Amino acid sequence: MAKCCLFLSFIFLSVHPFAQTFRADRELVLKCNSCRAELYEKMPNPPYLAVYQKENKTLVVLAAKHGAVSIPAVQYAFDVYTPQIVLAEREPGEEFGPCSSYEDGYTAALAGKHKVPLVRADVTLEQQWQFAQTQGFSYEDWQMLWIIREAYYRARETEEPFTARQAVHSYAKRDHHPAWGTLFTPRRLEKYFSGHYKQEFNRTDFIKLFQDLMNVYPEQWVTQTPFYRLEKATSHARSLFMLENIAAALNRYDVVFIEMGAGHYLDLVPALQEMLGTPEITASAQLPPQQLWKDCRIDALEEIILVK
């Protein structure tokens, strides 16, 4: 734990040229392992909004289910609360999802449309990889983390199978860094996958597998997989950085909106409650119908950095 915390303190060092009324309590995030399941039971199914009010400050959090289902809540947050700054769960240097089908892209599109600055409230992929190495994970573990994620999202959009050859080609095109390690071959990927997940890659139901791996109450075999252990480790690192950005934004702006996966929000609940008090929670299903921006586009976006 000491090694982990030392690393996190290094990559999340921040310098703010303004009064720091709000401070991120990292320890409350790191201690939230035991409370996450309990919090999950208390919250509605994502997506949902958590709105914090403290004096003249408002923080609107979208605890998202990644995809189009979360877009109406983004629209509602902009229309009702008029944020002065928005934070998005997207790594620096990475493309936003299509604004017509992903909440991070829609958030970026509305930020540009309304001339509101946007902060990428996620650590870089390189920082995530460096952290993974300190925890003993291999580049094969890292590649498979992203390949399984891509396989899941592809399976939600098409019934066409995702082969090992396609997976390697896609990863090589988008995410491979030769300096980090050796790219999978299709045969090596199949061997690695069957060894850790006890099934053939080309015949896997990736929707079911992903849901099993991300379950709040995982089965024992899930907790032993590299995906689960790596996802859990990097998730905490990323959540800490999101908390740092929230505190920095509140120190400069009165109305802050952030979209993040519901899992990250659960990591931050104790720290946010200490910082801002108890929020008002609204399930997406309780929101009125929204007039969505059908032909949305990410244009004239002003990106700023709050935490280095």
Foldseek 3Di string as FASTA:
>chain_A
DVLLVVLLCVVFFFDFPFDQPFDFDLVLLVPCLVVLVVVVVVADDDQKWWWFDDDLAIEIEGQHDWWQLSQQVLQVCCVPPVFQEEEEQDEPPDDDDCLNIGNRFVNLLVCQVVVHAYEHLFYHPVSLLVSVVVVPDAVLLVLVLVLLVVQQVVVVVDVDFQALQNSQVVCVVHPDDVVRHDGDDSVNNQVVCCVLPVDGRRPDPSNVVVCQLPPPDHDPSSCPHSNNVSCVSSLSSGLSSNSRVVSLVVRPTRYYYYYDHNSSVSSCVVRVCVRGNGTDMGHPVPDDDDDGDNPTDNPNHHYDYRTD
